[in-house]
Amino acid sequence: MSSIKRLSVATPIGIARVKVDPDLELSGIFQNRYVLDSDRFDICYEAGRTATVEQLSQAVRRYIGAAVDWIDALFSLVNLSECNEKVFVLKSSFAAFCAFTQAARTAQTTSDPDLLCLCNRTVIPRQTPRHLLENK
């Protein structure tokens, strides 16, 4: 019995954590612009390699940063700075913003109808890879 290794809840199982800080409040993103600095990189669409789970997560975080920048620009045009309203706009428009951005850039980048280009030079094929479907 002593040769059996004891596992705890904190024992890693070899899968990289996708979400580093799970309870980041959305209002904190608008109040502290530096929260997303580690996730900012130049957005570039190319029909490259199939995305890994980490690359998909990286792309989503970058899309969040782009949406936050877009919302801040809209609010500065009308001289508003209410943080709660920015959060409401982000929650209500992020899915459409992200889907439209990906679809438009994919159409500009490639003529292959079976690919979806992401902002970090990776793609997701129409037949979604198993590693993306099974990871939660």
C-alpha atoms as a PDB file:
ATOM      1  CA  MET A   1       0.000   0.000   0.000  1.00  0.00           C
ATOM      2  CA  SER A   2       2.851   2.391   0.650  1.00  0.00           C
ATOM      3  CA  SER A   3       4.001   2.103  -2.969  1.00  0.00           C
ATOM      4  CA  ILE A   4       0.741   3.592  -4.263  1.00  0.00           C
ATOM      5  CA  LYS A   5       1.172   7.220  -5.064  1.00  0.00           C
ATOM      6  CA  ARG A   6      -1.311   9.493  -3.343  1.00  0.00           C
ATOM      7  CA  LEU A   7      -2.958  12.035  -5.603  1.00  0.00           C
ATOM      8  CA  SER A   8      -4.441  15.239  -4.388  1.00  0.00           C
ATOM      9  CA  VAL A   9      -6.743  17.706  -6.028  1.00  0.00           C
ATOM     10  CA  ALA A  10      -3.734  19.916  -6.778  1.00  0.00           C
ATOM     11  CA  THR A  11      -1.807  17.177  -8.597  1.00  0.00           C
ATOM     12  CA  PRO A  12      -1.328  18.192 -12.249  1.00  0.00           C
ATOM     13  CA  ILE A  13      -2.498  15.722 -14.884  1.00  0.00           C
ATOM     14  CA  GLY A  14      -0.334  17.050 -17.689  1.00  0.00           C
ATOM     15  CA  ILE A  15      -2.904  19.227 -19.429  1.00  0.00           C
ATOM     16  CA  ALA A  16      -2.005  22.887 -19.620  1.00  0.00           C
ATOM     17  CA  ARG A  17      -4.460  25.193 -17.929  1.00  0.00           C
ATOM     18  CA  VAL A  18      -6.253  27.154 -20.589  1.00  0.00           C
ATOM     19  CA  LYS A  19      -7.792  29.811 -18.382  1.00  0.00           C
ATOM     20  CA  VAL A  20      -5.208  31.298 -16.053  1.00  0.00           C
ATOM     21  CA  ASP A  21      -7.458  33.545 -13.990  1.00  0.00           C
ATOM     22  CA  PRO A  22     -10.997  32.114 -14.075  1.00  0.00           C
ATOM     23  CA  ASP A  23     -12.821  34.800 -12.097  1.00  0.00           C
ATOM     24  CA  LEU A  24     -11.570  37.949 -13.762  1.00  0.00           C
ATOM     25  CA  GLU A  25     -14.392  40.452 -13.576  1.00  0.00           C
ATOM     26  CA  LEU A  26     -15.357  42.087 -16.831  1.00  0.00           C
ATOM     27  CA  SER A  27     -15.523  45.509 -15.244  1.00  0.00           C
ATOM     28  CA  GLY A  28     -11.904  45.064 -14.170  1.00  0.00           C
ATOM     29  CA  ILE A  29     -10.893  44.855 -17.824  1.00  0.00           C
ATOM     30  CA  PHE A  30     -12.316  48.310 -18.493  1.00  0.00           C
ATOM     31  CA  GLN A  31     -11.004  49.806 -15.245  1.00  0.00           C
ATOM     32  CA  ASN A  32      -7.464  48.463 -15.632  1.00  0.00           C
ATOM     33  CA  ARG A  33      -6.343  48.390 -19.260  1.00  0.00           C
ATOM     34  CA  TYR A  34      -3.105  46.622 -18.340  1.00  0.00           C
ATOM     35  CA  VAL A  35      -4.922  43.376 -17.448  1.00  0.00           C
ATOM     36  CA  LEU A  36      -4.972  42.340 -21.113  1.00  0.00           C
ATOM     37  CA  ASP A  37      -1.448  43.484 -22.019  1.00  0.00           C
ATOM     38  CA  SER A  38      -0.028  39.957 -21.842  1.00  0.00           C
ATOM     39  CA  ASP A  39      -2.654  38.814 -24.372  1.00  0.00           C
ATOM     40  CA  ARG A  40      -2.026  41.554 -26.933  1.00  0.00           C
ATOM     41  CA  PHE A  41      -0.184  40.754 -30.134  1.00  0.00           C
ATOM     42  CA  ASP A  42      -0.439  41.854 -33.747  1.00  0.00           C
ATOM     43  CA  ILE A  43      -3.535  40.385 -35.323  1.00  0.00           C
ATOM     44  CA  CYS A  44      -2.625  38.557 -38.521  1.00  0.00           C
ATOM     45  CA  TYR A  45      -4.863  36.195 -40.455  1.00  0.00           C
ATOM     46  CA  GLU A  46      -3.247  33.421 -42.495  1.00  0.00           C
ATOM     47  CA  ALA A  47      -4.282  29.945 -43.529  1.00  0.00           C
ATOM     48  CA  GLY A  48      -1.651  28.282 -41.353  1.00  0.00           C
ATOM     49  CA  ARG A  49      -1.589  25.302 -39.050  1.00  0.00           C
ATOM     50  CA  THR A  50      -4.573  23.845 -37.238  1.00  0.00           C
ATOM     51  CA  ALA A  51      -4.974  25.540 -33.868  1.00  0.00           C
ATOM     52  CA  THR A  52      -4.129  23.787 -30.622  1.00  0.00           C
ATOM     53  CA  VAL A  53      -6.263  24.288 -27.521  1.00  0.00           C
ATOM     54  CA  GLU A  54      -3.782  26.852 -26.210  1.00  0.00           C
ATOM     55  CA  GLN A  55      -3.751  28.752 -29.516  1.00  0.00           C
ATOM     56  CA  LEU A  56      -7.556  28.796 -29.614  1.00  0.00           C
ATOM     57  CA  SER A  57      -7.621  30.191 -26.082  1.00  0.00           C
ATOM     58  CA  GLN A  58      -4.973  32.766 -27.019  1.00  0.00           C
ATOM     59  CA  ALA A  59      -7.045  33.866 -30.022  1.00  0.00           C
ATOM     60  CA  VAL A  60     -10.213  34.245 -27.923  1.00  0.00           C
ATOM     61  CA  ARG A  61      -8.360  36.371 -25.367  1.00  0.00           C
ATOM     62  CA  ARG A  62      -7.061  38.554 -28.218  1.00  0.00           C
ATOM     63  CA  TYR A  63     -10.589  38.933 -29.592  1.00  0.00           C
ATOM     64  CA  ILE A  64     -11.708  40.049 -26.131  1.00  0.00           C
ATOM     65  CA  GLY A  65      -8.960  42.672 -26.158  1.00  0.00           C
ATOM     66  CA  ALA A  66     -10.019  43.864 -29.604  1.00  0.00           C
ATOM     67  CA  ALA A  67     -13.666  44.069 -28.502  1.00  0.00           C
ATOM     68  CA  VAL A  68     -12.695  46.044 -25.391  1.00  0.00           C
ATOM     69  CA  ASP A  69     -10.685  48.483 -27.533  1.00  0.00           C
ATOM     70  CA  TRP A  70     -13.621  48.829 -29.944  1.00  0.00           C
ATOM     71  CA  ILE A  71     -16.080  49.499 -27.099  1.00  0.00           C
ATOM     72  CA  ASP A  72     -13.741  52.055 -25.513  1.00  0.00           C
ATOM     73  CA  ALA A  73     -13.453  53.840 -28.863  1.00  0.00           C
ATOM     74  CA  LEU A  74     -17.245  53.911 -29.290  1.00  0.00           C
ATOM     75  CA  PHE A  75     -17.752  55.282 -25.788  1.00  0.00           C
ATOM     76  CA  SER A  76     -15.069  57.939 -26.245  1.00  0.00           C
ATOM     77  CA  LEU A  77     -16.849  59.168 -29.398  1.00  0.00           C
ATOM     78  CA  VAL A  78     -19.920  60.058 -27.353  1.00  0.00           C
ATOM     79  CA  ASN A  79     -17.987  61.086 -24.220  1.00  0.00           C
ATOM     80  CA  LEU A  80     -19.318  58.288 -22.013  1.00  0.00           C
ATOM     81  CA  SER A  81     -17.251  56.441 -19.452  1.00  0.00           C
ATOM     82  CA  GLU A  82     -19.765  54.347 -17.487  1.00  0.00           C
ATOM     83  CA  CYS A  83     -18.054  51.017 -16.830  1.00  0.00           C
ATOM     84  CA  ASN A  84     -21.257  49.021 -16.281  1.00  0.00           C
ATOM     85  CA  GLU A  85     -22.604  50.099 -19.660  1.00  0.00           C
ATOM     86  CA  LYS A  86     -19.364  49.003 -21.310  1.00  0.00           C
ATOM     87  CA  VAL A  87     -19.730  45.573 -19.689  1.00  0.00           C
ATOM     88  CA  PHE A  88     -23.312  45.310 -20.982  1.00  0.00           C
ATOM     89  CA  VAL A  89     -22.170  46.185 -24.501  1.00  0.00           C
ATOM     90  CA  LEU A  90     -19.349  43.635 -24.300  1.00  0.00           C
ATOM     91  CA  LYS A  91     -21.684  40.882 -23.100  1.00  0.00           C
ATOM     92  CA  SER A  92     -24.303  41.616 -25.729  1.00  0.00           C
ATOM     93  CA  SER A  93     -22.021  42.117 -28.713  1.00  0.00           C
ATOM     94  CA  PHE A  94     -18.947  39.913 -28.238  1.00  0.00           C
ATOM     95  CA  ALA A  95     -20.316  36.826 -30.001  1.00  0.00           C
ATOM     96  CA  ALA A  96     -21.453  38.811 -33.045  1.00  0.00           C
ATOM     97  CA  PHE A  97     -18.241  40.881 -33.068  1.00  0.00           C
ATOM     98  CA  CYS A  98     -16.053  37.784 -32.908  1.00  0.00           C
ATOM     99  CA  ALA A  99     -18.040  35.803 -35.496  1.00  0.00           C
ATOM    100  CA  PHE A 100     -18.175  38.704 -37.956  1.00  0.00           C
ATOM    101  CA  THR A 101     -14.472  39.473 -37.566  1.00  0.00           C
ATOM    102  CA  GLN A 102     -13.458  35.855 -38.136  1.00  0.00           C
ATOM    103  CA  ALA A 103     -15.805  35.394 -41.097  1.00  0.00           C
ATOM    104  CA  ALA A 104     -14.744  38.616 -42.815  1.00  0.00           C
ATOM    105  CA  ARG A 105     -11.032  38.003 -42.337  1.00  0.00           C
ATOM    106  CA  THR A 106     -11.331  34.367 -43.427  1.00  0.00           C
ATOM    107  CA  ALA A 107     -13.061  35.475 -46.641  1.00  0.00           C
ATOM    108  CA  GLN A 108     -10.257  37.983 -47.281  1.00  0.00           C
ATOM    109  CA  THR A 109      -7.509  35.468 -46.500  1.00  0.00           C
ATOM    110  CA  THR A 110      -8.507  32.226 -48.186  1.00  0.00           C
ATOM    111  CA  SER A 111     -10.992  30.862 -50.687  1.00  0.00           C
ATOM    112  CA  ASP A 112     -11.162  27.491 -48.909  1.00  0.00           C
ATOM    113  CA  PRO A 113     -14.731  27.183 -47.561  1.00  0.00           C
ATOM    114  CA  ASP A 114     -13.640  24.508 -45.081  1.00  0.00           C
ATOM    115  CA  LEU A 115     -11.389  26.756 -42.979  1.00  0.00           C
ATOM    116  CA  LEU A 116     -11.957  29.398 -40.317  1.00  0.00           C
ATOM    117  CA  CYS A 117      -8.901  31.622 -39.880  1.00  0.00           C
ATOM    118  CA  LEU A 118      -8.006  32.876 -36.407  1.00  0.00           C
ATOM    119  CA  CYS A 119      -6.107  36.042 -35.532  1.00  0.00           C
ATOM    120  CA  ASN A 120      -2.907  34.194 -34.566  1.00  0.00           C
ATOM    121  CA  ARG A 121      -2.134  32.616 -37.957  1.00  0.00           C
ATOM    122  CA  THR A 122      -3.936  29.364 -37.155  1.00  0.00           C
ATOM    123  CA  VAL A 123      -7.094  27.799 -38.561  1.00  0.00           C
ATOM    124  CA  ILE A 124      -9.955  25.620 -37.457  1.00  0.00           C
ATOM    125  CA  PRO A 125     -11.109  23.220 -40.175  1.00  0.00           C
ATOM    126  CA  ARG A 126     -14.797  22.510 -40.811  1.00  0.00           C
ATOM    127  CA  GLN A 127     -14.264  18.993 -39.491  1.00  0.00           C
ATOM    128  CA  THR A 128     -13.239  20.113 -36.023  1.00  0.00           C
ATOM    129  CA  PRO A 129     -10.241  18.173 -34.690  1.00  0.00           C
ATOM    130  CA  ARG A 130     -10.872  15.797 -31.842  1.00  0.00           C
ATOM    131  CA  HIS A 131      -8.433  17.569 -29.515  1.00  0.00           C
ATOM    132  CA  LEU A 132     -10.586  20.716 -29.678  1.00  0.00           C
ATOM    133  CA  LEU A 133     -13.872  18.899 -29.159  1.00  0.00           C
ATOM    134  CA  GLU A 134     -12.838  16.782 -26.188  1.00  0.00           C
ATOM    135  CA  ASN A 135     -11.036  19.425 -24.141  1.00  0.00           C
ATOM    136  CA  LYS A 136     -13.222  21.200 -21.629  1.00  0.00           C
END
